[in-house]
C-alpha cells in the first residue's frame, strides 16, 4: 500500500473556515514569513478521531511541530519577524476548482509575506490525479498569496509520495524556486507517530522526529533568503 493511502485523516473540517488563516507574533515589525499547508501544518481539535490539540499533526507539543521549530530558528536571526499560517486542506480537496476557493485566504494575501513556504499536496486526491489542472491551479494559488510578487517562494513535495510531486518540482524549476523533496521521510516509520495514537491516520503523520527533519530541510532553504 502506498504510504499516502495510510493517511485516513479526513481533509475536510480540519479547521473552521474563519481559522484557515492565523498569525504568530502578529505585531512583529520585521520580516514576514508565511507557511501554507494542511494538517501537518495545523489541525484543529478533533476528539472524534482522538486528536485533542491545535497544532501540526502529529507533533507531541506545539513547539515540536515544524512551523514552530522554524519560528524559533528564524527568531534567532530575525527576532522581530511576524508569521502567517495559511491552512489550505480545503483547497487541496478541491484543487480542480482551486481558484474558486482563493477568497478564503484573503487575510493571508493581505499579509504580503517576504517568504512563503508551500508545504502541501497530500490532500489532493491521488487517484486520477490531473497534473495539468494542478499545474495551473497551484500556480494560481502561489500568485494569489504573493500579490506584490516580492515574496521568496519555497516549495516542498509531499511527506508521503504523491503523483503531483513531479509537477511541484516542474513548477519550481520553471519559476526558479528552491524546492525540497520530502517523500523519503514518509517511507520511514521512524519519522511518524506510529504507536502513539489509536487512529492510524494520525499515527502515520510525522511525529517529533519527522517534524524535526521537515523543519531542518526547510531551514536550509529559508536561511538563504530570509
N, C-alpha and C. Protein backbone atom coordinates (compact mmCIF):
# COMPACT_ATOMS: atom_id res chain seq x y z
N UNK A 1 0.85 -1.20 0.00
CA UNK A 1 0.00 0.00 0.00
C UNK A 1 0.88 1.24 0.00
N UNK A 2 0.63 2.19 -0.92
CA UNK A 2 1.38 3.45 -0.87
C UNK A 2 1.17 4.14 0.47
N UNK A 3 2.20 4.78 0.98
CA UNK A 3 2.13 5.42 2.30
C UNK A 3 1.01 6.46 2.36
N UNK A 4 0.76 7.14 1.26
CA UNK A 4 -0.26 8.19 1.29
C UNK A 4 -1.64 7.62 1.57
N UNK A 5 -1.86 6.34 1.24
CA UNK A 5 -3.16 5.73 1.50
C UNK A 5 -3.35 5.39 2.97
N UNK A 6 -2.29 5.46 3.76
CA UNK A 6 -2.40 5.23 5.20
C UNK A 6 -2.89 6.48 5.93
N UNK A 7 -2.94 7.58 5.21
CA UNK A 7 -3.45 8.81 5.82
C UNK A 7 -4.97 8.82 5.72
N UNK A 8 -5.62 8.33 6.74
CA UNK A 8 -7.08 8.26 6.76
C UNK A 8 -7.70 9.43 7.52
N UNK A 9 -6.90 10.45 7.82
CA UNK A 9 -7.44 11.66 8.44
C UNK A 9 -8.17 12.45 7.37
N UNK A 10 -9.44 12.74 7.62
CA UNK A 10 -10.23 13.46 6.63
C UNK A 10 -9.63 14.82 6.33
N UNK A 11 -9.65 15.18 5.06
CA UNK A 11 -9.16 16.51 4.67
C UNK A 11 -10.20 17.59 4.89
N UNK A 12 -11.41 17.20 5.23
CA UNK A 12 -12.47 18.19 5.48
C UNK A 12 -12.59 18.46 6.98
N UNK A 13 -13.00 19.66 7.29
CA UNK A 13 -13.26 20.07 8.68
C UNK A 13 -12.03 19.98 9.58
N UNK A 14 -10.84 20.14 9.00
CA UNK A 14 -9.64 20.19 9.84
C UNK A 14 -9.61 21.47 10.66
N UNK A 15 -10.21 22.52 10.10
CA UNK A 15 -10.34 23.81 10.77
C UNK A 15 -11.66 24.44 10.35
N UNK A 16 -12.20 25.30 11.21
CA UNK A 16 -13.33 26.11 10.80
C UNK A 16 -12.84 27.15 9.80
N UNK A 17 -13.72 27.52 8.87
CA UNK A 17 -13.32 28.41 7.78
C UNK A 17 -12.69 29.70 8.28
N UNK A 18 -13.21 30.24 9.38
CA UNK A 18 -12.65 31.51 9.88
C UNK A 18 -11.30 31.32 10.56
N UNK A 19 -10.81 30.07 10.62
CA UNK A 19 -9.50 29.80 11.21
C UNK A 19 -8.48 29.35 10.17
N UNK A 20 -8.83 29.40 8.89
CA UNK A 20 -7.89 28.98 7.86
C UNK A 20 -6.60 29.78 7.91
N UNK A 21 -6.71 31.05 8.29
CA UNK A 21 -5.54 31.93 8.33
C UNK A 21 -5.36 32.43 9.75
N UNK A 22 -4.19 32.18 10.33
CA UNK A 22 -3.87 32.64 11.68
C UNK A 22 -2.47 33.23 11.68
N UNK A 23 -2.12 33.86 12.81
CA UNK A 23 -0.86 34.59 12.86
C UNK A 23 -0.10 34.27 14.15
N UNK A 24 1.21 34.37 14.07
CA UNK A 24 2.11 34.20 15.21
C UNK A 24 2.96 35.46 15.27
N UNK A 25 3.06 36.07 16.44
CA UNK A 25 3.82 37.32 16.60
C UNK A 25 3.35 38.35 15.58
N UNK A 26 2.05 38.53 15.53
CA UNK A 26 1.44 39.37 14.50
C UNK A 26 1.94 40.80 14.53
N UNK A 27 2.41 41.27 15.67
CA UNK A 27 2.85 42.66 15.81
C UNK A 27 4.31 42.88 15.41
N UNK A 28 4.97 41.84 14.94
CA UNK A 28 6.36 41.99 14.51
C UNK A 28 6.50 43.02 13.42
N UNK A 29 7.55 43.81 13.49
CA UNK A 29 7.77 44.90 12.53
C UNK A 29 8.85 44.57 11.50
N UNK A 30 9.37 43.35 11.55
CA UNK A 30 10.44 42.97 10.64
C UNK A 30 9.95 42.16 9.47
N UNK A 31 10.64 41.07 9.18
CA UNK A 31 10.29 40.19 8.07
C UNK A 31 8.93 39.54 8.31
N UNK A 32 8.32 39.10 7.18
CA UNK A 32 7.04 38.40 7.25
C UNK A 32 7.20 37.05 6.55
N UNK A 33 6.88 35.99 7.29
CA UNK A 33 7.04 34.63 6.76
C UNK A 33 5.70 33.91 6.83
N UNK A 34 5.33 33.25 5.74
CA UNK A 34 4.06 32.52 5.68
C UNK A 34 4.31 31.03 5.44
N UNK A 35 3.55 30.21 6.14
CA UNK A 35 3.56 28.76 5.93
C UNK A 35 2.20 28.35 5.36
N UNK A 36 2.21 27.73 4.20
CA UNK A 36 0.98 27.29 3.55
C UNK A 36 0.96 25.77 3.60
N UNK A 37 -0.07 25.20 4.24
CA UNK A 37 -0.04 23.76 4.39
C UNK A 37 -1.39 23.16 4.74
N UNK A 38 -1.33 21.98 5.35
CA UNK A 38 -2.54 21.22 5.68
C UNK A 38 -2.45 20.73 7.13
N UNK A 39 -2.89 19.51 7.40
CA UNK A 39 -2.90 19.03 8.78
C UNK A 39 -1.50 18.96 9.37
N UNK A 40 -0.48 18.72 8.54
CA UNK A 40 0.89 18.67 9.04
C UNK A 40 1.33 20.05 9.51
N UNK A 41 0.72 21.08 8.96
CA UNK A 41 0.99 22.46 9.36
C UNK A 41 0.14 22.86 10.56
N UNK A 42 -1.15 22.52 10.50
CA UNK A 42 -2.04 22.82 11.62
C UNK A 42 -3.34 22.04 11.47
N UNK A 43 -3.73 21.33 12.50
CA UNK A 43 -5.02 20.63 12.53
C UNK A 43 -5.71 20.97 13.83
N UNK A 44 -6.94 21.44 13.75
CA UNK A 44 -7.69 21.79 14.94
C UNK A 44 -8.12 20.58 15.75
N UNK A 45 -8.66 20.84 16.92
CA UNK A 45 -9.11 19.78 17.84
C UNK A 45 -10.20 18.95 17.19
N UNK A 46 -9.99 17.61 17.18
CA UNK A 46 -10.96 16.68 16.59
C UNK A 46 -11.09 15.46 17.49
N UNK A 47 -11.87 15.56 18.58
CA UNK A 47 -11.97 14.45 19.53
C UNK A 47 -12.47 13.16 18.91
N UNK A 48 -13.26 13.28 17.83
CA UNK A 48 -13.84 12.09 17.21
C UNK A 48 -12.78 11.16 16.63
N UNK A 49 -11.58 11.68 16.36
CA UNK A 49 -10.51 10.81 15.88
C UNK A 49 -9.36 10.70 16.89
N UNK A 50 -9.55 11.31 18.06
CA UNK A 50 -8.53 11.21 19.10
C UNK A 50 -7.43 12.24 18.99
N UNK A 51 -7.75 13.39 18.36
CA UNK A 51 -6.77 14.49 18.26
C UNK A 51 -7.31 15.66 19.08
N UNK A 52 -6.64 16.01 20.17
CA UNK A 52 -7.15 16.97 21.15
C UNK A 52 -6.35 18.27 21.18
N UNK A 53 -5.63 18.55 20.13
CA UNK A 53 -4.73 19.70 20.13
C UNK A 53 -4.95 20.56 18.88
N UNK A 54 -4.26 21.67 18.84
CA UNK A 54 -4.39 22.59 17.70
C UNK A 54 -2.99 23.01 17.26
N UNK A 55 -2.33 22.11 16.58
CA UNK A 55 -1.02 22.37 16.01
C UNK A 55 -0.76 21.32 14.92
N UNK A 56 0.44 21.26 14.41
CA UNK A 56 0.74 20.34 13.32
C UNK A 56 0.64 18.89 13.75
N UNK A 57 -0.17 18.12 13.07
CA UNK A 57 -0.36 16.69 13.34
C UNK A 57 0.85 15.92 12.80
N UNK A 58 1.50 15.05 13.62
CA UNK A 58 1.16 14.58 14.93
C UNK A 58 2.32 14.85 15.90
N UNK A 59 2.73 16.12 15.97
CA UNK A 59 3.76 16.52 16.93
C UNK A 59 3.23 16.34 18.35
N UNK A 60 4.14 16.14 19.30
CA UNK A 60 3.73 15.90 20.68
C UNK A 60 3.37 17.18 21.42
N UNK A 61 3.78 18.31 20.88
CA UNK A 61 3.51 19.61 21.52
C UNK A 61 3.63 20.70 20.46
N UNK A 62 3.04 21.85 20.75
CA UNK A 62 3.06 22.97 19.82
C UNK A 62 4.48 23.29 19.37
N UNK A 63 5.40 23.34 20.32
CA UNK A 63 6.76 23.75 19.99
C UNK A 63 7.52 22.71 19.17
N UNK A 64 6.93 21.53 18.99
CA UNK A 64 7.61 20.46 18.25
C UNK A 64 7.09 20.28 16.83
N UNK A 65 6.08 21.06 16.41
CA UNK A 65 5.68 20.91 15.00
C UNK A 65 6.64 21.73 14.14
N UNK A 66 6.66 21.44 12.84
CA UNK A 66 7.70 22.04 12.00
C UNK A 66 7.56 23.56 11.92
N UNK A 67 6.33 24.07 11.98
CA UNK A 67 6.14 25.53 11.92
C UNK A 67 6.82 26.19 13.09
N UNK A 68 6.55 25.72 14.30
CA UNK A 68 7.08 26.38 15.49
C UNK A 68 8.58 26.13 15.65
N UNK A 69 9.07 25.00 15.17
CA UNK A 69 10.52 24.80 15.14
C UNK A 69 11.18 25.84 14.24
N UNK A 70 10.54 26.13 13.10
CA UNK A 70 11.10 27.14 12.19
C UNK A 70 10.93 28.55 12.74
N UNK A 71 9.81 28.80 13.42
CA UNK A 71 9.63 30.10 14.07
C UNK A 71 10.79 30.36 15.04
N UNK A 72 11.15 29.35 15.82
CA UNK A 72 12.25 29.52 16.77
C UNK A 72 13.58 29.78 16.05
N UNK A 73 13.82 29.05 14.96
CA UNK A 73 15.07 29.23 14.22
C UNK A 73 15.14 30.63 13.61
N UNK A 74 14.03 31.06 13.02
CA UNK A 74 14.00 32.38 12.38
C UNK A 74 14.15 33.48 13.42
N UNK A 75 13.50 33.30 14.56
CA UNK A 75 13.59 34.32 15.63
C UNK A 75 15.01 34.52 16.13
N UNK A 76 15.84 33.51 15.99
CA UNK A 76 17.22 33.63 16.45
C UNK A 76 18.01 34.62 15.60
N UNK A 77 17.61 34.76 14.32
CA UNK A 77 18.35 35.69 13.46
C UNK A 77 17.52 36.91 13.08
N UNK A 78 16.21 36.78 13.16
CA UNK A 78 15.30 37.89 12.84
C UNK A 78 14.23 37.95 13.92
N UNK A 79 14.54 38.47 15.12
CA UNK A 79 13.63 38.36 16.26
C UNK A 79 12.34 39.16 16.14
N UNK A 80 12.23 40.05 15.19
CA UNK A 80 11.02 40.86 15.05
C UNK A 80 10.15 40.38 13.89
N UNK A 81 10.31 39.11 13.51
CA UNK A 81 9.55 38.53 12.40
C UNK A 81 8.10 38.28 12.82
N UNK A 82 7.19 38.46 11.89
CA UNK A 82 5.79 38.04 12.08
C UNK A 82 5.52 36.88 11.14
N UNK A 83 4.59 36.01 11.54
CA UNK A 83 4.33 34.78 10.82
C UNK A 83 2.84 34.61 10.52
N UNK A 84 2.56 34.04 9.39
CA UNK A 84 1.19 33.71 8.99
C UNK A 84 1.12 32.22 8.70
N UNK A 85 0.08 31.57 9.19
CA UNK A 85 -0.18 30.16 8.90
C UNK A 85 -1.46 30.08 8.08
N UNK A 86 -1.33 29.58 6.86
CA UNK A 86 -2.47 29.50 5.93
C UNK A 86 -2.75 28.03 5.66
N UNK A 87 -3.88 27.54 6.19
CA UNK A 87 -4.22 26.12 6.09
C UNK A 87 -5.13 25.90 4.88
N UNK A 88 -4.64 25.13 3.91
CA UNK A 88 -5.33 25.03 2.62
C UNK A 88 -5.83 23.62 2.30
N UNK A 89 -6.15 22.84 3.33
CA UNK A 89 -6.66 21.49 3.08
C UNK A 89 -7.91 21.52 2.21
N UNK A 90 -8.78 22.51 2.41
CA UNK A 90 -9.98 22.64 1.59
C UNK A 90 -9.60 22.85 0.13
N UNK A 91 -8.62 23.71 -0.12
CA UNK A 91 -8.16 23.94 -1.49
C UNK A 91 -7.64 22.64 -2.10
N UNK A 92 -6.86 21.90 -1.32
CA UNK A 92 -6.31 20.64 -1.83
C UNK A 92 -7.42 19.69 -2.28
N UNK A 93 -8.44 19.56 -1.45
CA UNK A 93 -9.54 18.66 -1.78
C UNK A 93 -10.22 19.07 -3.09
N UNK A 94 -10.28 20.36 -3.33
CA UNK A 94 -11.00 20.92 -4.47
C UNK A 94 -10.05 21.53 -5.49
N UNK A 95 -8.83 20.99 -5.58
CA UNK A 95 -7.81 21.66 -6.41
C UNK A 95 -8.25 21.86 -7.85
N UNK A 96 -9.11 21.00 -8.35
CA UNK A 96 -9.54 21.14 -9.75
C UNK A 96 -10.33 22.43 -9.96
N UNK A 97 -10.93 22.92 -8.88
CA UNK A 97 -11.62 24.21 -8.91
C UNK A 97 -10.99 25.15 -7.90
N UNK A 98 -9.66 25.06 -7.78
CA UNK A 98 -8.96 25.77 -6.73
C UNK A 98 -9.18 27.27 -6.73
N UNK A 99 -9.29 27.86 -7.90
CA UNK A 99 -9.45 29.31 -7.98
C UNK A 99 -10.74 29.79 -7.34
N UNK A 100 -11.72 28.90 -7.24
CA UNK A 100 -13.00 29.26 -6.62
C UNK A 100 -12.88 29.39 -5.10
N UNK A 101 -11.79 28.91 -4.53
CA UNK A 101 -11.62 28.90 -3.07
C UNK A 101 -10.61 29.93 -2.59
N UNK A 102 -10.02 30.68 -3.48
CA UNK A 102 -8.94 31.58 -3.09
C UNK A 102 -9.38 32.67 -2.13
N UNK A 103 -10.64 33.12 -2.25
CA UNK A 103 -11.09 34.21 -1.38
C UNK A 103 -11.06 33.83 0.09
N UNK A 104 -11.03 32.53 0.39
CA UNK A 104 -10.95 32.10 1.79
C UNK A 104 -9.62 32.48 2.42
N UNK A 105 -8.64 32.83 1.59
CA UNK A 105 -7.30 33.11 2.08
C UNK A 105 -6.91 34.59 1.89
N UNK A 106 -7.92 35.45 1.87
CA UNK A 106 -7.67 36.88 1.66
C UNK A 106 -6.75 37.46 2.72
N UNK A 107 -6.94 37.07 3.98
CA UNK A 107 -6.10 37.63 5.06
C UNK A 107 -4.64 37.23 4.88
N UNK A 108 -4.41 36.04 4.33
CA UNK A 108 -3.04 35.62 4.06
C UNK A 108 -2.46 36.44 2.91
N UNK A 109 -3.25 36.68 1.89
CA UNK A 109 -2.82 37.52 0.77
C UNK A 109 -2.45 38.91 1.26
N UNK A 110 -3.29 39.48 2.12
CA UNK A 110 -3.08 40.83 2.61
C UNK A 110 -1.87 40.93 3.54
N UNK A 111 -1.39 39.81 4.05
CA UNK A 111 -0.21 39.78 4.91
C UNK A 111 1.03 40.26 4.15
N UNK A 112 1.06 40.03 2.85
CA UNK A 112 2.17 40.44 1.98
C UNK A 112 3.51 39.93 2.51
N UNK A 113 3.62 38.62 2.52
CA UNK A 113 4.80 37.95 3.07
C UNK A 113 6.06 38.24 2.27
N UNK A 114 7.19 38.19 2.97
CA UNK A 114 8.50 38.27 2.33
C UNK A 114 9.00 36.90 1.91
N UNK A 115 8.58 35.87 2.65
CA UNK A 115 8.94 34.48 2.36
C UNK A 115 7.68 33.63 2.51
N UNK A 116 7.43 32.76 1.54
CA UNK A 116 6.28 31.84 1.64
C UNK A 116 6.76 30.42 1.40
N UNK A 117 6.47 29.54 2.36
CA UNK A 117 6.78 28.12 2.25
C UNK A 117 5.49 27.37 1.93
N UNK A 118 5.45 26.72 0.77
CA UNK A 118 4.30 25.89 0.40
C UNK A 118 4.65 24.44 0.72
N UNK A 119 4.10 23.94 1.83
CA UNK A 119 4.35 22.56 2.26
C UNK A 119 3.02 21.83 2.26
N UNK A 120 2.63 21.35 1.07
CA UNK A 120 1.26 20.85 0.87
C UNK A 120 1.21 19.95 -0.36
N UNK A 121 0.20 19.21 -0.48
CA UNK A 121 -0.30 18.45 -1.64
C UNK A 121 -1.00 17.17 -1.18
N UNK A 122 -0.71 16.71 0.04
CA UNK A 122 -1.15 15.37 0.46
C UNK A 122 -2.66 15.14 0.34
N UNK A 123 -3.47 16.18 0.51
CA UNK A 123 -4.92 16.00 0.46
C UNK A 123 -5.51 16.14 -0.95
N UNK A 124 -4.67 16.44 -1.92
CA UNK A 124 -5.16 16.40 -3.31
C UNK A 124 -5.41 14.93 -3.65
N UNK A 125 -6.63 14.56 -4.03
CA UNK A 125 -6.91 13.15 -4.32
C UNK A 125 -5.89 12.58 -5.31
N UNK A 126 -5.26 11.47 -4.91
CA UNK A 126 -4.17 10.95 -5.73
C UNK A 126 -4.64 9.97 -6.80
N UNK A 127 -5.84 9.45 -6.67
CA UNK A 127 -6.39 8.62 -7.73
C UNK A 127 -6.91 9.53 -8.84
N UNK A 128 -6.58 9.20 -10.07
CA UNK A 128 -6.98 10.01 -11.23
C UNK A 128 -6.52 11.46 -11.07
N UNK A 129 -5.33 11.63 -10.54
CA UNK A 129 -4.78 12.97 -10.34
C UNK A 129 -4.58 13.65 -11.69
N UNK A 130 -5.04 14.89 -11.77
CA UNK A 130 -4.99 15.66 -13.02
C UNK A 130 -3.79 16.63 -12.94
N UNK A 131 -2.68 16.22 -13.52
CA UNK A 131 -1.45 17.01 -13.41
C UNK A 131 -1.59 18.36 -14.09
N UNK A 132 -2.26 18.40 -15.23
CA UNK A 132 -2.38 19.66 -15.96
C UNK A 132 -3.19 20.68 -15.17
N UNK A 133 -4.30 20.21 -14.57
CA UNK A 133 -5.12 21.13 -13.77
C UNK A 133 -4.37 21.58 -12.53
N UNK A 134 -3.70 20.65 -11.87
CA UNK A 134 -2.93 21.01 -10.68
C UNK A 134 -1.84 22.02 -11.03
N UNK A 135 -1.18 21.81 -12.15
CA UNK A 135 -0.13 22.72 -12.62
C UNK A 135 -0.66 24.14 -12.72
N UNK A 136 -1.85 24.29 -13.26
CA UNK A 136 -2.45 25.62 -13.42
C UNK A 136 -2.91 26.18 -12.08
N UNK A 137 -3.65 25.38 -11.32
CA UNK A 137 -4.28 25.89 -10.11
C UNK A 137 -3.26 26.14 -8.98
N UNK A 138 -2.24 25.33 -8.91
CA UNK A 138 -1.21 25.53 -7.89
C UNK A 138 -0.49 26.85 -8.13
N UNK A 139 -0.21 27.14 -9.37
CA UNK A 139 0.43 28.43 -9.67
C UNK A 139 -0.51 29.59 -9.40
N UNK A 140 -1.80 29.39 -9.64
CA UNK A 140 -2.78 30.43 -9.30
C UNK A 140 -2.78 30.70 -7.79
N UNK A 141 -2.66 29.64 -6.99
CA UNK A 141 -2.61 29.80 -5.54
C UNK A 141 -1.34 30.55 -5.13
N UNK A 142 -0.21 30.17 -5.70
CA UNK A 142 1.04 30.87 -5.41
C UNK A 142 0.89 32.36 -5.72
N UNK A 143 0.38 32.65 -6.89
CA UNK A 143 0.28 34.05 -7.33
C UNK A 143 -0.72 34.84 -6.48
N UNK A 144 -1.79 34.18 -6.06
CA UNK A 144 -2.79 34.84 -5.22
C UNK A 144 -2.18 35.25 -3.88
N UNK A 145 -1.38 34.36 -3.30
CA UNK A 145 -0.80 34.62 -1.98
C UNK A 145 0.45 35.51 -2.05
N UNK A 146 0.86 35.84 -3.26
CA UNK A 146 2.03 36.70 -3.45
C UNK A 146 1.66 37.86 -4.38
N UNK A 147 0.70 38.70 -3.97
CA UNK A 147 0.15 39.72 -4.88
C UNK A 147 1.17 40.76 -5.30
N UNK A 148 2.15 41.02 -4.46
CA UNK A 148 3.15 42.04 -4.79
C UNK A 148 4.33 41.44 -5.56
N UNK A 149 4.36 40.12 -5.65
CA UNK A 149 5.45 39.38 -6.32
C UNK A 149 6.80 39.62 -5.65
N UNK A 150 6.77 40.06 -4.39
CA UNK A 150 8.04 40.32 -3.69
C UNK A 150 8.52 39.12 -2.90
N UNK A 151 7.62 38.18 -2.62
CA UNK A 151 7.97 37.08 -1.73
C UNK A 151 8.95 36.11 -2.37
N UNK A 152 9.87 35.61 -1.56
CA UNK A 152 10.70 34.49 -1.94
C UNK A 152 9.89 33.22 -1.69
N UNK A 153 9.75 32.39 -2.69
CA UNK A 153 8.89 31.21 -2.62
C UNK A 153 9.74 29.96 -2.45
N UNK A 154 9.33 29.10 -1.52
CA UNK A 154 9.97 27.80 -1.31
C UNK A 154 8.88 26.73 -1.41
N UNK A 155 9.11 25.69 -2.21
CA UNK A 155 8.14 24.62 -2.38
C UNK A 155 8.67 23.32 -1.79
N UNK A 156 7.77 22.49 -1.30
CA UNK A 156 8.15 21.12 -0.92
C UNK A 156 7.19 20.15 -1.58
N UNK A 157 7.66 18.93 -1.74
CA UNK A 157 6.78 17.85 -2.18
C UNK A 157 6.03 17.32 -0.97
N UNK A 158 5.26 16.27 -1.17
CA UNK A 158 4.51 15.68 -0.08
C UNK A 158 5.39 14.89 0.88
N UNK A 159 4.95 14.82 2.13
CA UNK A 159 5.60 13.96 3.12
C UNK A 159 5.44 12.50 2.69
N UNK A 160 4.24 12.16 2.23
CA UNK A 160 4.02 10.86 1.58
C UNK A 160 4.12 11.09 0.08
N UNK A 161 4.75 10.18 -0.62
CA UNK A 161 4.92 10.34 -2.06
C UNK A 161 3.56 10.51 -2.75
N UNK A 162 3.48 11.47 -3.65
CA UNK A 162 2.23 11.83 -4.30
C UNK A 162 2.47 11.96 -5.80
N UNK A 163 1.51 11.58 -6.64
CA UNK A 163 1.73 11.71 -8.09
C UNK A 163 1.89 13.15 -8.55
N UNK A 164 1.56 14.11 -7.70
CA UNK A 164 1.75 15.52 -8.07
C UNK A 164 3.11 16.08 -7.70
N UNK A 165 3.95 15.27 -7.03
CA UNK A 165 5.27 15.76 -6.63
C UNK A 165 6.07 16.25 -7.84
N UNK A 166 6.00 15.49 -8.93
CA UNK A 166 6.76 15.87 -10.13
C UNK A 166 6.30 17.22 -10.68
N UNK A 167 5.02 17.51 -10.53
CA UNK A 167 4.50 18.78 -11.02
C UNK A 167 5.01 19.93 -10.16
N UNK A 168 5.07 19.72 -8.85
CA UNK A 168 5.65 20.74 -7.96
C UNK A 168 7.09 21.01 -8.35
N UNK A 169 7.86 19.96 -8.59
CA UNK A 169 9.26 20.13 -8.96
C UNK A 169 9.36 20.84 -10.32
N UNK A 170 8.48 20.50 -11.24
CA UNK A 170 8.47 21.17 -12.54
C UNK A 170 8.25 22.68 -12.38
N UNK A 171 7.25 23.05 -11.55
CA UNK A 171 6.96 24.47 -11.32
C UNK A 171 8.16 25.16 -10.68
N UNK A 172 8.77 24.49 -9.69
CA UNK A 172 9.93 25.07 -9.02
C UNK A 172 11.05 25.35 -10.02
N UNK A 173 11.30 24.42 -10.89
CA UNK A 173 12.38 24.60 -11.86
C UNK A 173 12.04 25.69 -12.87
N UNK A 174 10.79 25.69 -13.35
CA UNK A 174 10.40 26.69 -14.33
C UNK A 174 10.43 28.11 -13.75
N UNK A 175 10.05 28.22 -12.48
CA UNK A 175 10.00 29.55 -11.86
C UNK A 175 11.26 29.87 -11.05
N UNK A 176 12.18 28.94 -11.06
CA UNK A 176 13.45 29.11 -10.34
C UNK A 176 13.23 29.32 -8.85
N UNK A 177 12.35 28.49 -8.28
CA UNK A 177 12.13 28.47 -6.85
C UNK A 177 12.97 27.36 -6.23
N UNK A 178 13.52 27.55 -5.04
CA UNK A 178 14.11 26.42 -4.32
C UNK A 178 13.00 25.44 -3.92
N UNK A 179 13.33 24.15 -3.93
CA UNK A 179 12.33 23.15 -3.53
C UNK A 179 13.01 22.05 -2.72
N UNK A 180 12.18 21.34 -1.98
CA UNK A 180 12.66 20.29 -1.09
C UNK A 180 11.85 19.04 -1.34
N UNK A 181 12.53 17.93 -1.57
CA UNK A 181 11.86 16.64 -1.73
C UNK A 181 11.76 15.97 -0.36
N UNK A 182 10.52 15.67 0.06
CA UNK A 182 10.29 15.10 1.39
C UNK A 182 9.83 13.63 1.35
N UNK A 183 9.63 13.10 0.16
CA UNK A 183 8.97 11.81 0.03
C UNK A 183 9.62 10.65 0.76
N UNK A 184 10.95 10.71 0.91
CA UNK A 184 11.62 9.60 1.60
C UNK A 184 11.28 9.58 3.09
N UNK A 185 10.96 10.74 3.66
CA UNK A 185 10.59 10.78 5.08
C UNK A 185 9.34 9.95 5.33
N UNK A 186 8.37 10.07 4.45
CA UNK A 186 7.11 9.35 4.61
C UNK A 186 7.22 7.85 4.42
N UNK A 187 8.36 7.40 3.91
CA UNK A 187 8.60 5.96 3.74
C UNK A 187 9.22 5.34 5.00
N UNK A 188 9.61 6.19 5.93
CA UNK A 188 10.35 5.74 7.12
C UNK A 188 9.45 5.85 8.35
N UNK A 189 9.07 4.72 8.91
CA UNK A 189 8.16 4.72 10.06
C UNK A 189 8.74 5.45 11.27
N UNK A 190 10.05 5.58 11.35
CA UNK A 190 10.64 6.29 12.48
C UNK A 190 10.29 7.78 12.45
N UNK A 191 9.91 8.27 11.29
CA UNK A 191 9.55 9.68 11.14
C UNK A 191 8.09 9.95 11.51
N UNK A 192 7.35 8.92 11.87
CA UNK A 192 5.92 9.04 12.11
C UNK A 192 5.60 8.87 13.60
N UNK A 193 4.32 9.00 13.91
CA UNK A 193 3.88 8.88 15.30
C UNK A 193 3.25 7.51 15.54
N UNK A 194 3.73 6.51 14.87
CA UNK A 194 3.17 5.16 14.98
C UNK A 194 3.34 4.64 16.41
N UNK A 195 2.25 4.10 16.94
CA UNK A 195 2.24 3.58 18.31
C UNK A 195 1.81 4.59 19.34
N UNK A 196 1.67 5.86 18.92
CA UNK A 196 1.30 6.90 19.87
C UNK A 196 -0.17 7.28 19.78
N UNK A 197 -0.85 6.84 18.73
CA UNK A 197 -2.26 7.16 18.53
C UNK A 197 -2.99 5.92 18.03
N UNK A 198 -4.22 5.74 18.50
CA UNK A 198 -5.04 4.63 18.01
C UNK A 198 -5.43 4.83 16.56
N UNK A 199 -5.73 6.06 16.20
CA UNK A 199 -6.16 6.36 14.83
C UNK A 199 -4.95 6.23 13.91
N UNK A 200 -5.03 5.29 12.96
CA UNK A 200 -3.86 5.02 12.12
C UNK A 200 -3.51 6.20 11.23
N UNK A 201 -4.51 6.99 10.85
CA UNK A 201 -4.23 8.15 10.02
C UNK A 201 -3.37 9.16 10.76
N UNK A 202 -3.72 9.43 12.03
CA UNK A 202 -2.91 10.35 12.84
C UNK A 202 -1.52 9.75 13.03
N UNK A 203 -1.46 8.46 13.36
CA UNK A 203 -0.19 7.81 13.65
C UNK A 203 0.76 7.84 12.46
N UNK A 204 0.23 7.92 11.25
CA UNK A 204 1.08 7.95 10.07
C UNK A 204 1.51 9.36 9.69
N UNK A 205 1.04 10.36 10.45
CA UNK A 205 1.55 11.71 10.28
C UNK A 205 2.95 11.81 10.92
N UNK A 206 3.71 12.85 10.57
CA UNK A 206 5.04 12.98 11.16
C UNK A 206 5.00 13.20 12.67
N UNK A 207 5.74 12.38 13.39
CA UNK A 207 5.93 12.60 14.82
C UNK A 207 7.02 13.65 15.04
N UNK A 208 7.54 13.73 16.24
CA UNK A 208 8.52 14.76 16.55
C UNK A 208 9.77 14.66 15.67
N UNK A 209 10.24 13.43 15.43
CA UNK A 209 11.44 13.28 14.61
C UNK A 209 11.16 13.69 13.16
N UNK A 210 10.00 13.29 12.66
CA UNK A 210 9.64 13.70 11.30
C UNK A 210 9.51 15.20 11.18
N UNK A 211 8.86 15.83 12.17
CA UNK A 211 8.73 17.29 12.16
C UNK A 211 10.10 17.96 12.21
N UNK A 212 10.99 17.41 13.01
CA UNK A 212 12.34 17.97 13.11
C UNK A 212 13.05 17.91 11.77
N UNK A 213 12.93 16.80 11.08
CA UNK A 213 13.59 16.66 9.78
C UNK A 213 12.96 17.60 8.75
N UNK A 214 11.64 17.72 8.75
CA UNK A 214 10.98 18.66 7.84
C UNK A 214 11.49 20.07 8.09
N UNK A 215 11.53 20.46 9.36
CA UNK A 215 11.98 21.81 9.71
C UNK A 215 13.43 22.04 9.28
N UNK A 216 14.28 21.06 9.52
CA UNK A 216 15.69 21.23 9.17
C UNK A 216 15.89 21.37 7.67
N UNK A 217 15.16 20.59 6.89
CA UNK A 217 15.28 20.67 5.44
C UNK A 217 14.78 22.01 4.91
N UNK A 218 13.66 22.48 5.46
CA UNK A 218 13.14 23.79 5.03
C UNK A 218 14.07 24.90 5.49
N UNK A 219 14.63 24.77 6.69
CA UNK A 219 15.52 25.80 7.22
C UNK A 219 16.72 26.04 6.30
N UNK A 220 17.23 24.98 5.70
CA UNK A 220 18.38 25.12 4.80
C UNK A 220 18.05 26.05 3.64
N UNK A 221 16.78 26.08 3.22
CA UNK A 221 16.37 26.98 2.14
C UNK A 221 15.99 28.37 2.67
N UNK A 222 15.30 28.41 3.80
CA UNK A 222 14.86 29.70 4.34
C UNK A 222 16.05 30.58 4.69
N UNK A 223 17.06 30.01 5.30
CA UNK A 223 18.18 30.83 5.76
C UNK A 223 18.94 31.48 4.62
N UNK A 224 18.72 30.99 3.40
CA UNK A 224 19.37 31.58 2.24
C UNK A 224 18.62 32.81 1.73
N UNK A 225 17.34 32.95 2.16
CA UNK A 225 16.53 34.03 1.58
C UNK A 225 15.97 35.00 2.63
N UNK A 226 16.03 34.65 3.90
CA UNK A 226 15.42 35.47 4.96
C UNK A 226 16.20 36.77 5.15
